[in-house]
Amino acid sequence: MADTTPLASLSLTHVHYDPNDPISYFCAWLALVPQGLCVMYATLIWSTREIEILMMFGGQMACEALNFALKRILKEERPKQMHGKGYGMPSSHAQFVAFFSLSLTLFLLVRHVPKKPTPSHTPLSMPARVALSGLALANAGLVSWSRIYLSYHTPKQVLVGMAAGTFSALSWFLVTTIVRQIGLLEWILDQYPTRLFRMRDLVVEEDLCQAGWEKWESKRISKHTNGKKHR
């Protein structure tokens, strides 16, 4: 007897777009930005062991939980021309990228206080941090606009999503600031589980690419110095 069990579609990366419209195709790729950012989060947390990135990811997941709750409270349908699953208010894509871009901006312009320059380290300048923040915010605007262009959301649903993401980012930044000021973060970093996973808090004053660079430069200079002595 033939198996008549209906098959389901994994809709995580399933995006409807107009194949005859290049802009629609571009917007379909923009729809994958949140998934790409989650991969980036996981990669940076594992490779850098920075507690700041882990806290930001925790806030991002809390923002997603808020979106999940709001959709089931408001229960507003998506635009009629779109056959997407689930409710549309607020836009989860707009909320996700608004939280990420604003959190990154707050970190780069407020929390990140780079160390003074050394022969082996040139800190990220304020104009560079402003430029990176601008790119992140522009990306958030593009992703949010793409949800309207693809008819997955109404403008109101996208605006509410951006507002919810902005509120979440500001609230989470305030919470993490208090956690730092009262010494709770320092206490957490001293505990066995965080030490077991070698969690650290250096990115507030160092660039991510700085990790190990000064050690490498000292080793390289020492090697060249010793080589000249033996000549």
Protein backbone atom coordinates (compact mmCIF):
# COMPACT_ATOMS: atom_id res chain seq x y z
CA MET A 1 0.00 0.00 0.00
CA ALA A 2 1.42 3.40 -1.01
CA ASP A 3 2.40 5.87 1.71
CA THR A 4 -0.01 8.83 1.49
CA THR A 5 1.52 10.86 4.31
CA PRO A 6 1.61 14.52 3.14
CA LEU A 7 5.03 16.11 2.94
CA ALA A 8 5.85 19.35 4.72
CA SER A 9 8.08 22.19 3.58
CA LEU A 10 10.90 23.59 5.73
CA SER A 11 9.97 27.26 5.39
CA LEU A 12 13.01 28.67 7.25
CA THR A 13 14.63 29.82 3.99
CA HIS A 14 11.57 29.55 1.71
CA VAL A 15 10.89 32.97 0.18
CA HIS A 16 8.25 33.96 -2.39
CA TYR A 17 9.45 36.43 -5.03
CA ASP A 18 8.77 37.46 -8.63
CA PRO A 19 11.38 35.73 -10.86
CA ASN A 20 10.86 38.39 -13.53
CA ASP A 21 11.74 41.23 -11.15
CA PRO A 22 15.45 41.71 -10.26
CA ILE A 23 14.53 43.86 -7.25
CA SER A 24 12.22 41.13 -5.98
CA TYR A 25 15.09 38.63 -6.36
CA PHE A 26 17.40 40.94 -4.39
CA CYS A 27 14.75 41.28 -1.66
CA ALA A 28 14.51 37.49 -1.46
CA TRP A 29 18.20 37.38 -0.55
CA LEU A 30 17.68 40.15 2.01
CA ALA A 31 15.11 37.89 3.67
CA LEU A 32 17.97 35.56 4.64
CA VAL A 33 19.86 38.24 6.60
CA PRO A 34 18.52 37.15 10.04
CA GLN A 35 19.64 33.56 9.41
CA GLY A 36 23.04 34.82 8.33
CA LEU A 37 23.33 36.95 11.46
CA CYS A 38 22.51 33.93 13.65
CA VAL A 39 25.34 32.00 11.97
CA MET A 40 27.61 35.00 12.59
CA TYR A 41 26.60 35.12 16.26
CA ALA A 42 27.33 31.41 16.76
CA THR A 43 30.67 31.65 14.93
CA LEU A 44 31.88 34.70 16.88
CA ILE A 45 30.76 33.33 20.25
CA TRP A 46 32.60 30.06 19.65
CA SER A 47 35.74 31.58 18.14
CA THR A 48 36.18 34.63 20.40
CA ARG A 49 34.49 33.48 23.66
CA GLU A 50 33.52 37.14 24.21
CA ILE A 51 30.81 37.59 26.86
CA GLU A 52 29.64 40.83 25.20
CA ILE A 53 28.69 38.96 22.02
CA LEU A 54 26.97 36.24 24.06
CA MET A 55 24.96 38.89 25.93
CA MET A 56 23.97 40.55 22.66
CA PHE A 57 22.82 37.20 21.28
CA GLY A 58 20.82 36.61 24.48
CA GLY A 59 19.09 39.95 23.93
CA GLN A 60 18.45 39.02 20.31
CA MET A 61 16.72 35.80 21.37
CA ALA A 62 14.68 37.71 23.98
CA CYS A 63 13.64 40.09 21.19
CA GLU A 64 12.52 37.08 19.11
CA ALA A 65 10.51 35.77 22.07
CA LEU A 66 8.81 39.17 22.35
CA ASN A 67 7.93 39.04 18.65
CA PHE A 68 6.51 35.54 19.08
CA ALA A 69 4.29 36.76 21.93
CA LEU A 70 3.18 39.96 20.16
CA LYS A 71 2.10 38.10 17.04
CA ARG A 72 -0.14 35.81 19.08
CA ILE A 73 -1.57 38.70 21.07
CA LEU A 74 -2.27 41.04 18.13
CA LYS A 75 -3.22 38.28 15.64
CA GLU A 76 -3.09 40.55 12.59
CA GLU A 77 -3.00 38.76 9.24
CA ARG A 78 -0.42 39.31 6.52
CA PRO A 79 -1.34 41.21 3.32
CA LYS A 80 -3.95 39.31 1.27
CA GLN A 81 -1.67 38.96 -1.77
CA MET A 82 0.85 36.96 0.26
CA HIS A 83 0.29 33.33 1.19
CA GLY A 84 2.83 33.36 4.03
CA LYS A 85 2.20 31.36 7.18
CA GLY A 86 1.52 32.90 10.57
CA TYR A 87 0.52 36.36 11.66
CA GLY A 88 2.09 39.52 10.27
CA MET A 89 2.07 41.98 13.17
CA PRO A 90 4.81 42.87 13.95
CA SER A 91 7.35 41.95 11.26
CA SER A 92 9.90 39.59 12.83
CA HIS A 93 12.51 40.47 10.17
CA ALA A 94 12.19 44.21 10.86
CA GLN A 95 12.31 43.62 14.62
CA PHE A 96 15.36 41.34 14.32
CA VAL A 97 17.48 43.70 12.21
CA ALA A 98 16.40 46.78 14.19
CA PHE A 99 17.62 45.14 17.40
CA PHE A 100 20.90 44.01 15.83
CA SER A 101 21.76 47.27 14.08
CA LEU A 102 20.94 49.48 17.07
CA SER A 103 22.71 47.15 19.53
CA LEU A 104 25.82 47.19 17.35
CA THR A 105 25.62 50.99 17.06
CA LEU A 106 25.30 51.42 20.83
CA PHE A 107 28.25 49.11 21.38
CA LEU A 108 30.51 50.81 18.83
CA LEU A 109 29.67 54.40 19.78
CA VAL A 110 29.01 54.13 23.52
CA ARG A 111 30.40 51.00 25.16
CA HIS A 112 33.50 50.35 23.07
CA VAL A 113 36.38 52.41 24.47
CA PRO A 114 39.52 51.34 22.58
CA LYS A 115 42.95 51.18 24.16
CA LYS A 116 45.58 53.73 23.24
CA PRO A 117 47.53 52.99 20.05
CA THR A 118 50.70 50.93 20.31
CA PRO A 119 53.31 49.97 17.67
CA SER A 120 51.42 46.71 17.11
CA HIS A 121 47.86 47.98 17.50
CA THR A 122 45.88 50.73 15.80
CA PRO A 123 42.41 50.99 17.39
CA LEU A 124 39.25 51.42 15.35
CA SER A 125 38.76 55.16 14.93
CA MET A 126 35.52 56.97 15.72
CA PRO A 127 34.84 57.76 12.02
CA ALA A 128 35.26 54.05 11.23
CA ARG A 129 32.87 53.10 14.03
CA VAL A 130 30.35 55.68 12.83
CA ALA A 131 30.63 54.29 9.29
CA LEU A 132 30.11 50.70 10.48
CA SER A 133 27.10 51.81 12.51
CA GLY A 134 25.68 53.58 9.47
CA LEU A 135 26.10 50.45 7.34
CA ALA A 136 24.32 48.34 9.96
CA LEU A 137 21.42 50.79 10.19
CA ALA A 138 21.18 51.05 6.40
CA ASN A 139 21.09 47.26 6.17
CA ALA A 140 18.25 47.19 8.70
CA GLY A 141 16.35 49.71 6.60
CA LEU A 142 16.84 47.64 3.44
CA VAL A 143 15.71 44.39 5.05
CA SER A 144 12.64 46.09 6.54
CA TRP A 145 11.73 47.71 3.21
CA SER A 146 12.13 44.36 1.42
CA ARG A 147 9.38 42.82 3.56
CA ILE A 148 6.94 45.42 2.19
CA TYR A 149 8.21 45.02 -1.38
CA LEU A 150 7.71 41.26 -1.25
CA SER A 151 4.22 41.80 0.25
CA TYR A 152 5.01 39.76 3.35
CA HIS A 153 4.01 42.70 5.56
CA THR A 154 2.15 45.99 5.47
CA PRO A 155 4.07 49.22 6.18
CA LYS A 156 2.40 49.40 9.60
CA GLN A 157 3.54 45.87 10.50
CA VAL A 158 7.12 46.73 9.51
CA LEU A 159 7.10 50.03 11.45
CA VAL A 160 5.78 48.30 14.57
CA GLY A 161 8.47 45.62 14.17
CA MET A 162 11.19 48.27 13.92
CA ALA A 163 9.77 50.07 16.97
CA ALA A 164 9.71 46.82 18.98
CA GLY A 165 13.29 46.02 17.93
CA THR A 166 14.44 49.53 18.86
CA PHE A 167 12.73 49.33 22.26
CA SER A 168 14.26 45.89 22.88
CA ALA A 169 17.76 47.07 21.94
CA LEU A 170 17.60 50.13 24.20
CA SER A 171 16.17 48.10 27.09
CA TRP A 172 18.77 45.34 26.74
CA PHE A 173 21.62 47.84 26.53
CA LEU A 174 20.38 49.42 29.77
CA VAL A 175 20.13 46.01 31.46
CA THR A 176 23.64 44.96 30.41
CA THR A 177 25.01 48.35 31.49
CA ILE A 178 23.56 47.84 34.97
CA VAL A 179 24.91 44.27 35.05
CA ARG A 180 28.36 45.70 34.35
CA GLN A 181 28.12 48.59 36.81
CA ILE A 182 27.02 46.51 39.83
CA GLY A 183 29.81 43.98 39.24
CA LEU A 184 27.50 41.09 38.35
CA LEU A 185 29.23 40.46 35.02
CA GLU A 186 32.64 40.32 36.71
CA TRP A 187 31.21 37.79 39.21
CA ILE A 188 29.77 35.68 36.38
CA LEU A 189 33.12 35.64 34.59
CA ASP A 190 34.79 34.34 37.78
CA GLN A 191 32.48 31.32 37.99
CA TYR A 192 33.58 27.81 37.00
CA PRO A 193 31.25 27.32 33.97
CA THR A 194 32.36 30.56 32.29
CA ARG A 195 36.01 29.86 33.07
CA LEU A 196 35.59 26.32 31.73
CA PHE A 197 34.49 27.78 28.38
CA ARG A 198 37.20 30.49 28.63
CA MET A 199 34.72 33.36 28.37
CA ARG A 200 36.34 36.80 28.45
CA ASP A 201 35.47 40.50 28.27
CA LEU A 202 38.08 42.15 26.07
CA VAL A 203 36.11 43.40 23.07
CA VAL A 204 34.97 46.52 24.95
CA GLU A 205 38.52 47.85 24.54
CA GLU A 206 40.00 45.65 21.81
CA ASP A 207 38.96 44.99 18.22
CA LEU A 208 37.93 41.42 17.44
CA CYS A 209 40.82 41.12 14.98
CA GLN A 210 43.19 42.20 17.75
CA ALA A 211 42.97 38.85 19.57
CA GLY A 212 46.43 37.33 19.53
CA TRP A 213 47.85 39.99 17.17
CA GLU A 214 50.02 41.72 19.76
CA LYS A 215 51.35 38.35 20.93
CA TRP A 216 52.15 37.43 17.32
CA GLU A 217 53.82 40.77 16.66
CA SER A 218 55.98 40.45 19.80
CA LYS A 219 57.00 36.95 18.72
CA ARG A 220 57.77 38.11 15.17
CA ILE A 221 59.83 41.10 16.33
CA SER A 222 61.68 38.94 18.85
CA LYS A 223 62.47 36.39 16.13
CA HIS A 224 63.82 39.06 13.79
CA THR A 225 65.86 40.65 16.62
CA ASN A 226 67.40 37.30 17.58
CA GLY A 227 68.13 36.56 13.94
CA LYS A 228 70.10 39.79 13.58
CA LYS A 229 72.09 39.03 16.74
CA HIS A 230 73.25 35.69 15.34
CA ARG A 231 74.53 37.22 12.12
